[in-house]
Amino acid sequence: MRYTVRVNGVIEKTSGALAAYKDKKLAVGLSGGRDSVCLLHAVLHCTDKQNIVAVHINHRLRDSADRDERFVKTLCASLGVELLCFGVDVRSKSDTDGETVEQAARTLRYEVFGDVIKSGRAEYVLTAHHALDNAETVLMHLFRGAGVDGLCGIAAANENTRILRPLLNVYPSELDAFVREYGLEYVTDETNFLTDADRNFIRLKVMPLVEQRYAGAVKAINELAGECKSVCRALDDALDLNRISLDRGAVKIDLFALTSPLGARYVRRALEHFSTVDITREQICRVVKLAHMRMGAVVELSGGIKAVREYDGIAIYLERLKCEVEIPIKLGANFIDGLAVDIERTECSPSDVKGGVVDLDKLSGATLRFRRDGDVFTPFGGVRKKLKRFFIDSKIEKRLRDRVPLICRGSEVLVVVGVQIADSVKVNDDTVNKAAVKLRW
């Protein structure tokens, strides 16, 4: 099919959005609906067909899902476009992870897109989000309590995920005109007319009322989103990213950053290290307030993420399940829950090794594990105390206490690896075998 460039700007806008990517291998997300069918036809006009592959994902949520898959197979065959089809189990993921069906479907969809890129079948994936989608997203974020970042709406291009959205400045009326002009056929997802999902509710119930009262509302919302993106870029340029650091599985933000006028923005940047959605402005404000709270105060965020007040700022992390493994120690590398504890004979002075040097013979029969209730420790040159008290006195962050390897005999802790040795295993004049105990992360 040969196109002209005169129908409501669909092809011009698509061509402009893809100007920098025309020589790349592109995958078009193709559901079979109006938007994705228009996207495929517009892209075929703009780029070499040999660089295009279509990707269809069967979510297996509707009886008509197989019909949609058959339709896209026929369409791609008629256009001479290679098609990749994938099936995903949305309901299983929703039940397992506690997500809504809508969230689970989106997660699986983008996992497939990521796999297509990793496999080398494409360098970028194109989705058919358009101007109304963007306006709906802005409103959803606003109603859920988003800040200025949420008002930015959908990104036209994301170089991290390699997702491009060339129709983001195209309006539904333009797509309808494009369909009529070239007699394009497409399928309709009947669930688009159900209002249980947030986006459908806004599209079917809210936007018609808004547009009835305020002509050009969708355009105005999109222009607002564009201004917010400019504001956010300016705010990001003002951040001192040295105040955000990685610390043993957590992202840390120092107190100066949190108490600055850009505190919420530092939190948002820190959260970019985690694959999560639906972090609201209210949650971010609670994280910022941690700067003025007691040590150990915790805020729980979406997606299992936690933020905790520590001695020098806050740490944001995903909590790990506690490891109950216990293994006999040996010379060399001892591995436990992704950590390595190296026990090596040495002639070093105890002062030259972090955590000290032990009398190896005094570790006979000891095991490597993590802390348990009832553990006690007598630090080098110190007095016997509960391990919990030692951690507190040593200012070891609460989130790390279940991740500090211990060499123990029963409930008696002989080495807090990387921190301190017990007085009972210290080197003395009778020591024959000295050993350094080192932690490798």
Protein backbone atom coordinates (compact mmCIF):
# COMPACT_ATOMS: atom_id res chain seq x y z
CA MET A 1 0.00 0.00 0.00
CA ARG A 2 1.41 3.40 -1.02
CA TYR A 3 0.77 6.35 1.28
CA THR A 4 0.75 10.09 0.86
CA VAL A 5 1.75 12.47 3.63
CA ARG A 6 -1.47 14.44 3.86
CA VAL A 7 -3.85 12.63 6.21
CA ASN A 8 -3.92 14.63 9.44
CA GLY A 9 -0.19 14.46 9.89
CA VAL A 10 -0.04 10.85 11.13
CA ILE A 11 2.78 9.90 8.80
CA GLU A 12 4.58 13.26 9.12
CA LYS A 13 4.54 13.01 12.91
CA THR A 14 5.66 9.39 12.89
CA SER A 15 8.43 10.17 10.43
CA GLY A 16 9.62 13.09 12.54
CA ALA A 17 9.61 11.04 15.73
CA LEU A 18 11.64 8.28 14.05
CA ALA A 19 14.06 10.55 12.18
CA ALA A 20 16.99 9.51 14.38
CA TYR A 21 16.09 5.80 14.30
CA LYS A 22 15.32 5.05 10.65
CA ASP A 23 18.43 2.92 10.19
CA LYS A 24 17.79 0.93 13.39
CA LYS A 25 16.09 -2.44 13.71
CA LEU A 26 12.64 -1.63 15.03
CA ALA A 27 9.96 -3.84 16.58
CA VAL A 28 6.36 -2.62 16.44
CA GLY A 29 4.11 -3.71 19.29
CA LEU A 30 1.06 -4.98 17.40
CA SER A 31 -2.09 -5.87 19.33
CA GLY A 32 -4.29 -5.72 16.23
CA GLY A 33 -6.26 -2.71 17.51
CA ARG A 34 -6.70 0.58 15.68
CA ASP A 35 -3.73 2.36 17.23
CA SER A 36 -1.14 -0.34 16.66
CA VAL A 37 -2.37 -1.07 13.12
CA CYS A 38 -2.03 2.63 12.26
CA LEU A 39 1.44 2.65 13.81
CA LEU A 40 2.57 -0.32 11.74
CA HIS A 41 1.34 1.21 8.47
CA ALA A 42 2.88 4.61 9.30
CA VAL A 43 6.22 3.04 10.21
CA LEU A 44 6.29 1.03 6.99
CA HIS A 45 6.04 4.29 5.10
CA CYS A 46 8.90 5.87 7.06
CA THR A 47 11.45 3.06 7.19
CA ASP A 48 12.82 0.09 5.29
CA LYS A 49 10.57 -2.94 5.71
CA GLN A 50 13.66 -5.11 6.17
CA ASN A 51 14.36 -3.30 9.45
CA ILE A 52 10.86 -3.90 10.82
CA VAL A 53 9.50 -6.79 12.87
CA ALA A 54 6.07 -6.90 14.52
CA VAL A 55 5.58 -8.25 18.04
CA HIS A 56 2.24 -9.62 19.20
CA ILE A 57 1.60 -10.62 22.82
CA ASN A 58 -1.35 -12.88 23.60
CA HIS A 59 -2.35 -12.10 27.19
CA ARG A 60 -4.82 -15.00 27.24
CA LEU A 61 -7.37 -12.97 29.16
CA ARG A 62 -10.24 -13.01 26.64
CA ASP A 63 -11.98 -15.59 24.49
CA SER A 64 -11.21 -13.35 21.50
CA ALA A 65 -7.47 -13.23 22.21
CA ASP A 66 -6.76 -16.06 19.76
CA ARG A 67 -8.86 -14.27 17.15
CA ASP A 68 -6.65 -11.19 17.57
CA GLU A 69 -3.53 -13.31 17.10
CA ARG A 70 -4.93 -14.82 13.90
CA PHE A 71 -5.74 -11.32 12.64
CA VAL A 72 -2.22 -9.96 13.13
CA LYS A 73 -0.74 -13.06 11.49
CA THR A 74 -2.89 -12.45 8.42
CA LEU A 75 -2.12 -8.72 8.42
CA CYS A 76 1.64 -9.19 8.66
CA ALA A 77 1.61 -11.87 5.97
CA SER A 78 -0.23 -9.49 3.62
CA LEU A 79 2.27 -6.71 4.31
CA GLY A 80 5.33 -8.95 4.15
CA VAL A 81 6.34 -8.09 7.71
CA GLU A 82 8.02 -10.59 10.01
CA LEU A 83 5.90 -11.34 13.09
CA LEU A 84 6.95 -12.63 16.52
CA CYS A 85 4.12 -14.00 18.69
CA PHE A 86 4.35 -14.55 22.45
CA GLY A 87 1.93 -15.91 25.01
CA VAL A 88 1.97 -14.81 28.65
CA ASP A 89 0.08 -15.96 31.75
CA VAL A 90 -1.23 -12.70 33.19
CA ARG A 91 -3.64 -14.17 35.73
CA SER A 92 -0.97 -16.39 37.25
CA LYS A 93 1.39 -13.43 37.69
CA SER A 94 -1.42 -11.32 39.11
CA ASP A 95 -2.27 -13.99 41.70
CA THR A 96 1.36 -14.70 42.59
CA ASP A 97 2.59 -11.11 42.89
CA GLY A 98 -0.58 -9.51 44.22
CA GLU A 99 -0.79 -7.12 41.26
CA THR A 100 -3.92 -6.07 39.45
CA VAL A 101 -4.50 -7.82 36.14
CA GLU A 102 -3.74 -4.53 34.41
CA GLN A 103 -0.40 -4.14 36.23
CA ALA A 104 0.59 -7.78 35.63
CA ALA A 105 -0.21 -7.51 31.91
CA ARG A 106 1.89 -4.37 31.58
CA THR A 107 4.83 -5.94 33.43
CA LEU A 108 4.80 -9.07 31.27
CA ARG A 109 4.38 -7.03 28.10
CA TYR A 110 7.47 -4.97 28.81
CA GLU A 111 9.40 -8.07 29.82
CA VAL A 112 8.69 -9.49 26.36
CA PHE A 113 9.80 -6.23 24.74
CA GLY A 114 13.00 -6.37 26.76
CA ASP A 115 13.64 -9.96 25.68
CA VAL A 116 13.16 -9.02 22.03
CA ILE A 117 15.84 -6.36 22.39
CA LYS A 118 18.21 -8.62 24.35
CA SER A 119 17.88 -11.32 21.71
CA GLY A 120 19.02 -8.89 19.02
CA ARG A 121 15.80 -9.10 17.02
CA ALA A 122 15.38 -5.34 17.43
CA GLU A 123 17.23 -2.34 18.81
CA TYR A 124 14.09 -0.45 19.81
CA VAL A 125 10.45 -1.33 20.44
CA LEU A 126 7.68 1.00 19.25
CA THR A 127 4.36 1.25 21.08
CA ALA A 128 1.20 3.00 19.87
CA HIS A 129 0.55 5.33 22.79
CA HIS A 130 -1.02 8.55 21.50
CA ALA A 131 -2.02 11.99 22.79
CA LEU A 132 -5.20 10.79 24.55
CA ASP A 133 -3.22 8.04 26.29
CA ASN A 134 -0.83 10.69 27.52
CA ALA A 135 -3.62 12.93 28.82
CA GLU A 136 -5.23 9.98 30.61
CA THR A 137 -1.91 9.09 32.21
CA VAL A 138 -1.44 12.63 33.49
CA LEU A 139 -4.92 12.56 35.06
CA MET A 140 -4.36 9.11 36.61
CA HIS A 141 -1.11 10.29 38.17
CA LEU A 142 -2.78 13.48 39.40
CA PHE A 143 -5.67 11.60 41.03
CA ARG A 144 -3.30 9.10 42.66
CA GLY A 145 -1.30 11.88 44.27
CA ALA A 146 1.66 12.33 41.90
CA GLY A 147 4.04 15.26 42.00
CA VAL A 148 5.39 17.25 39.06
CA ASP A 149 7.09 14.12 37.66
CA GLY A 150 3.74 12.37 37.34
CA LEU A 151 2.37 15.33 35.42
CA CYS A 152 5.03 14.74 32.75
CA GLY A 153 2.93 11.86 31.45
CA ILE A 154 4.41 9.29 29.10
CA ALA A 155 7.95 9.61 27.76
CA ALA A 156 8.21 9.78 23.98
CA ALA A 157 11.51 7.89 24.12
CA ASN A 158 13.29 5.98 26.85
CA GLU A 159 16.86 5.09 26.02
CA ASN A 160 17.16 2.85 29.09
CA THR A 161 14.29 0.55 28.11
CA ARG A 162 14.68 1.28 24.36
CA ILE A 163 10.97 2.07 24.08
CA LEU A 164 9.82 4.64 21.49
CA ARG A 165 6.33 6.13 21.19
CA PRO A 166 6.17 7.90 17.80
CA LEU A 167 2.39 8.57 17.98
CA LEU A 168 2.52 10.49 21.24
CA ASN A 169 1.62 13.77 19.46
CA VAL A 170 -1.09 12.14 17.34
CA TYR A 171 -4.76 12.55 18.36
CA PRO A 172 -7.48 9.86 18.02
CA SER A 173 -9.32 11.92 15.39
CA GLU A 174 -6.20 11.81 13.23
CA LEU A 175 -6.00 8.04 13.61
CA ASP A 176 -9.67 7.67 12.66
CA ALA A 177 -9.10 9.78 9.54
CA PHE A 178 -6.04 7.68 8.66
CA VAL A 179 -8.10 4.49 8.97
CA ARG A 180 -10.90 5.85 6.77
CA GLU A 181 -8.54 7.20 4.11
CA TYR A 182 -6.81 3.86 3.54
CA GLY A 183 -9.54 1.44 4.54
CA LEU A 184 -7.50 -0.14 7.30
CA GLU A 185 -9.01 -3.06 9.17
CA TYR A 186 -8.41 -3.78 12.84
CA VAL A 187 -9.87 -5.72 15.76
CA THR A 188 -11.55 -4.30 18.86
CA ASP A 189 -10.75 -5.41 22.40
CA GLU A 190 -14.13 -5.61 24.10
CA THR A 191 -12.53 -5.05 27.52
CA ASN A 192 -11.74 -1.49 26.41
CA PHE A 193 -15.39 -0.71 27.18
CA LEU A 194 -15.28 -1.94 30.78
CA THR A 195 -14.73 0.72 33.43
CA ASP A 196 -13.12 -1.48 36.11
CA ALA A 197 -9.59 -0.48 35.04
CA ASP A 198 -8.50 3.06 35.96
CA ARG A 199 -7.52 4.05 32.45
CA ASN A 200 -10.82 2.85 30.96
CA PHE A 201 -12.76 4.70 33.65
CA ILE A 202 -11.00 7.94 32.82
CA ARG A 203 -11.36 7.38 29.07
CA LEU A 204 -15.03 6.37 29.12
CA LYS A 205 -16.42 8.37 32.03
CA VAL A 206 -14.17 11.32 32.83
CA MET A 207 -12.72 12.56 29.53
CA PRO A 208 -16.05 12.82 27.65
CA LEU A 209 -17.40 15.10 30.39
CA VAL A 210 -14.22 17.16 30.51
CA GLU A 211 -14.09 17.61 26.73
CA GLN A 212 -17.79 18.44 26.64
CA ARG A 213 -17.20 21.33 29.02
CA TYR A 214 -13.67 22.32 27.98
CA ALA A 215 -12.97 22.14 24.26
CA GLY A 216 -9.35 21.24 23.57
CA ALA A 217 -8.81 19.76 27.05
CA VAL A 218 -6.68 16.87 25.77
CA LYS A 219 -4.40 19.27 23.91
CA ALA A 220 -4.13 21.49 26.99
CA ILE A 221 -3.20 18.51 29.21
CA ASN A 222 -0.53 17.43 26.73
CA GLU A 223 0.93 20.93 26.65
CA LEU A 224 1.02 20.97 30.45
CA ALA A 225 2.87 17.62 30.38
CA GLY A 226 5.43 19.11 28.00
CA GLU A 227 6.02 22.09 30.30
CA CYS A 228 6.39 19.78 33.31
CA LYS A 229 9.04 17.78 31.46
CA SER A 230 11.04 20.97 30.93
CA VAL A 231 10.68 21.90 34.60
CA CYS A 232 11.79 18.43 35.70
CA ARG A 233 14.87 18.57 33.49
CA ALA A 234 15.82 21.89 35.07
CA LEU A 235 15.31 20.50 38.59
CA ASP A 236 17.38 17.42 37.77
CA ASP A 237 20.22 19.62 36.56
CA ALA A 238 20.24 21.28 40.01
CA LEU A 239 20.78 17.99 41.89
CA ASP A 240 24.14 17.00 43.33
CA LEU A 241 24.09 13.29 42.50
CA ASN A 242 27.11 12.69 44.74
CA ARG A 243 24.63 12.86 47.60
CA ILE A 244 23.07 9.60 46.35
CA SER A 245 25.23 6.49 46.77
CA LEU A 246 25.03 2.71 46.65
CA ASP A 247 25.66 0.90 49.93
CA ARG A 248 25.53 -2.91 50.13
CA GLY A 249 22.22 -3.48 48.42
CA ALA A 250 20.67 -0.12 49.29
CA VAL A 251 20.56 3.34 47.78
CA LYS A 252 21.50 6.00 50.34
CA ILE A 253 20.64 9.70 50.42
CA ASP A 254 22.49 11.98 52.80
CA LEU A 255 20.74 14.27 55.25
CA PHE A 256 21.73 17.50 53.50
CA ALA A 257 19.95 16.39 50.32
CA LEU A 258 16.84 15.29 52.19
CA THR A 259 16.48 18.56 54.08
CA SER A 260 17.02 20.70 50.99
CA PRO A 261 14.10 22.10 48.93
CA LEU A 262 14.82 19.32 46.41
CA GLY A 263 14.53 16.52 48.99
CA ALA A 264 11.59 14.84 47.24
CA ARG A 265 13.47 14.96 43.95
CA TYR A 266 16.49 13.21 45.48
CA VAL A 267 14.14 10.45 46.67
CA ARG A 268 12.67 10.07 43.19
CA ARG A 269 16.14 9.78 41.67
CA ALA A 270 17.13 7.18 44.25
CA LEU A 271 14.01 5.16 43.43
CA GLU A 272 15.10 4.92 39.79
CA HIS A 273 17.42 2.13 40.91
CA PHE A 274 14.38 -0.07 41.55
CA SER A 275 12.02 -1.60 39.01
CA THR A 276 8.76 -0.39 40.46
CA VAL A 277 5.72 1.70 39.69
CA ASP A 278 2.99 3.48 41.62
CA ILE A 279 5.21 5.29 44.12
CA THR A 280 2.94 8.18 45.08
CA ARG A 281 3.80 11.72 46.15
CA GLU A 282 2.43 10.89 49.61
CA GLN A 283 4.89 7.99 49.95
CA ILE A 284 7.80 10.16 48.81
CA CYS A 285 6.88 12.85 51.33
CA ARG A 286 6.93 10.23 54.07
CA VAL A 287 10.45 9.23 53.02
CA VAL A 288 11.61 12.86 53.15
CA LYS A 289 10.16 13.20 56.67
CA LEU A 290 12.39 10.32 57.82
CA ALA A 291 15.24 12.84 57.97
CA HIS A 292 13.63 14.30 61.10
CA MET A 293 12.73 10.99 62.76
CA ARG A 294 14.49 8.64 65.18
CA MET A 295 17.14 6.14 64.07
CA GLY A 296 15.57 2.99 62.65
CA ALA A 297 12.25 4.58 61.67
CA VAL A 298 10.92 2.81 58.56
CA VAL A 299 8.58 3.73 55.72
CA GLU A 300 7.14 0.98 53.52
CA LEU A 301 6.69 1.82 49.84
CA SER A 302 5.03 0.05 46.93
CA GLY A 303 6.65 -3.04 45.48
CA GLY A 304 8.15 -4.25 48.76
CA ILE A 305 10.58 -1.33 48.95
CA LYS A 306 11.51 0.08 52.35
CA ALA A 307 13.18 3.32 53.44
CA VAL A 308 14.89 3.50 56.83
CA ARG A 309 16.42 6.36 58.83
CA GLU A 310 20.08 5.65 59.47
CA TYR A 311 22.91 7.48 61.20
CA ASP A 312 23.97 9.53 58.19
CA GLY A 313 20.81 9.70 56.08
CA ILE A 314 18.22 7.28 54.77
CA ALA A 315 18.64 3.99 52.94
CA ILE A 316 16.14 2.66 50.40
CA TYR A 317 16.22 -1.07 49.79
CA LEU A 318 14.34 -4.26 48.99
CA GLU A 319 14.27 -6.46 52.06
CA ARG A 320 15.74 -9.93 51.60
CA LEU A 321 14.34 -13.08 53.15
CA LYS A 322 16.37 -14.12 56.18
CA CYS A 323 18.85 -16.92 55.41
CA GLU A 324 18.78 -19.80 57.92
CA VAL A 325 21.69 -21.73 56.38
CA GLU A 326 24.55 -22.88 58.66
CA ILE A 327 27.76 -24.35 57.24
CA PRO A 328 31.00 -25.68 58.76
CA ILE A 329 33.88 -23.31 58.14
CA LYS A 330 37.00 -24.27 56.20
CA LEU A 331 40.18 -22.65 54.98
CA GLY A 332 39.67 -20.67 51.82
CA ALA A 333 36.38 -19.30 50.55
CA ASN A 334 33.17 -19.99 52.45
CA PHE A 335 30.00 -18.98 50.59
CA ILE A 336 26.71 -18.05 52.24
CA ASP A 337 23.71 -16.36 50.63
CA GLY A 338 25.74 -14.65 47.93
CA LEU A 339 28.56 -13.54 50.23
CA ALA A 340 32.09 -14.93 50.46
CA VAL A 341 33.99 -15.23 53.74
CA ASP A 342 37.69 -15.89 53.14
CA ILE A 343 39.70 -17.57 55.92
CA GLU A 344 43.39 -17.43 55.11
CA ARG A 345 46.54 -18.15 57.08
CA THR A 346 48.50 -14.97 57.57
CA GLU A 347 51.49 -13.40 59.27
CA CYS A 348 49.83 -9.98 59.34
CA SER A 349 49.48 -7.97 62.47
CA PRO A 350 45.88 -7.97 63.80
CA SER A 351 45.81 -4.20 63.37
CA ASP A 352 46.40 -4.59 59.63
CA VAL A 353 43.22 -6.63 58.95
CA LYS A 354 39.74 -5.18 59.30
CA GLY A 355 37.96 -7.19 61.96
CA GLY A 356 41.20 -8.57 63.31
CA VAL A 357 43.28 -11.75 63.05
CA VAL A 358 42.25 -14.93 64.88
CA ASP A 359 43.94 -17.97 66.32
CA LEU A 360 42.80 -20.47 63.68
CA ASP A 361 42.89 -23.42 66.08
CA LYS A 362 40.31 -21.67 68.28
CA LEU A 363 37.80 -21.76 65.42
CA SER A 364 37.81 -25.56 65.34
CA GLY A 365 34.26 -26.91 64.93
CA ALA A 366 32.75 -23.46 64.34
CA THR A 367 30.09 -22.74 61.73
CA LEU A 368 29.19 -19.85 59.47
CA ARG A 369 25.68 -18.41 59.67
CA PHE A 370 23.67 -15.25 60.26
CA ARG A 371 22.34 -13.95 63.56
CA ARG A 372 19.74 -15.71 65.69
CA ASP A 373 17.86 -14.88 68.86
CA GLY A 374 20.02 -15.50 71.93
CA ASP A 375 23.38 -14.84 70.27
CA VAL A 376 26.03 -13.37 72.59
CA PHE A 377 29.41 -11.83 71.85
CA THR A 378 32.47 -10.84 73.84
CA PRO A 379 34.33 -8.39 71.59
CA PHE A 380 38.12 -8.17 71.61
CA GLY A 381 39.14 -6.46 74.83
CA GLY A 382 35.49 -5.95 75.79
CA VAL A 383 32.75 -7.39 77.94
CA ARG A 384 30.18 -10.06 77.14
CA LYS A 385 26.91 -8.70 75.74
CA LYS A 386 24.01 -9.62 73.54
CA LEU A 387 24.88 -9.49 69.85
CA LYS A 388 22.02 -7.04 69.32
CA ARG A 389 23.61 -4.63 71.79
CA PHE A 390 26.99 -5.00 70.06
CA PHE A 391 25.38 -4.11 66.72
CA ILE A 392 23.77 -1.05 68.25
CA ASP A 393 26.97 0.05 69.99
CA SER A 394 28.91 -0.43 66.75
CA LYS A 395 26.31 1.57 64.80
CA ILE A 396 25.70 -1.25 62.36
CA GLU A 397 22.59 -0.32 60.41
CA LYS A 398 19.50 -2.32 61.25
CA ARG A 399 18.90 -3.35 57.64
CA LEU A 400 22.37 -4.95 57.55
CA ARG A 401 22.25 -6.93 60.78
CA ASP A 402 20.68 -10.00 59.20
CA ARG A 403 23.32 -9.83 56.45
CA VAL A 404 26.47 -9.76 58.60
CA PRO A 405 28.08 -13.24 58.46
CA LEU A 406 28.99 -14.72 61.84
CA ILE A 407 31.38 -17.49 62.82
CA CYS A 408 29.82 -19.17 65.84
CA ARG A 409 29.98 -22.10 68.19
CA GLY A 410 26.46 -22.62 69.40
CA SER A 411 25.05 -19.23 70.48
CA GLU A 412 28.57 -17.89 71.15
CA VAL A 413 29.71 -15.57 68.35
CA LEU A 414 33.43 -15.91 67.66
CA VAL A 415 33.76 -13.54 64.70
CA VAL A 416 31.47 -10.80 63.45
CA VAL A 417 32.94 -11.00 59.98
CA GLY A 418 34.41 -7.76 58.71
CA VAL A 419 33.70 -6.03 62.02
CA GLN A 420 35.31 -7.60 65.11
CA ILE A 421 36.62 -10.85 66.62
CA ALA A 422 35.76 -12.28 70.02
CA ASP A 423 38.27 -11.98 72.82
CA SER A 424 38.28 -15.80 73.10
CA VAL A 425 39.81 -16.28 69.62
CA LYS A 426 42.45 -13.56 69.75
CA VAL A 427 46.08 -14.23 68.93
CA ASN A 428 48.39 -14.67 71.93
CA ASP A 429 51.97 -15.82 72.56
CA ASP A 430 50.98 -19.49 72.17
CA THR A 431 49.29 -19.05 68.78
CA VAL A 432 50.69 -21.32 66.07
CA ASN A 433 48.23 -20.69 63.23
CA LYS A 434 47.13 -17.12 62.64
CA ALA A 435 44.30 -16.50 60.16
CA ALA A 436 42.69 -13.42 58.65
CA VAL A 437 38.93 -13.55 58.22
CA LYS A 438 37.80 -11.29 55.38
CA LEU A 439 34.42 -10.54 53.86
CA ARG A 440 33.96 -10.26 50.10
CA TRP A 441 30.70 -8.70 48.90
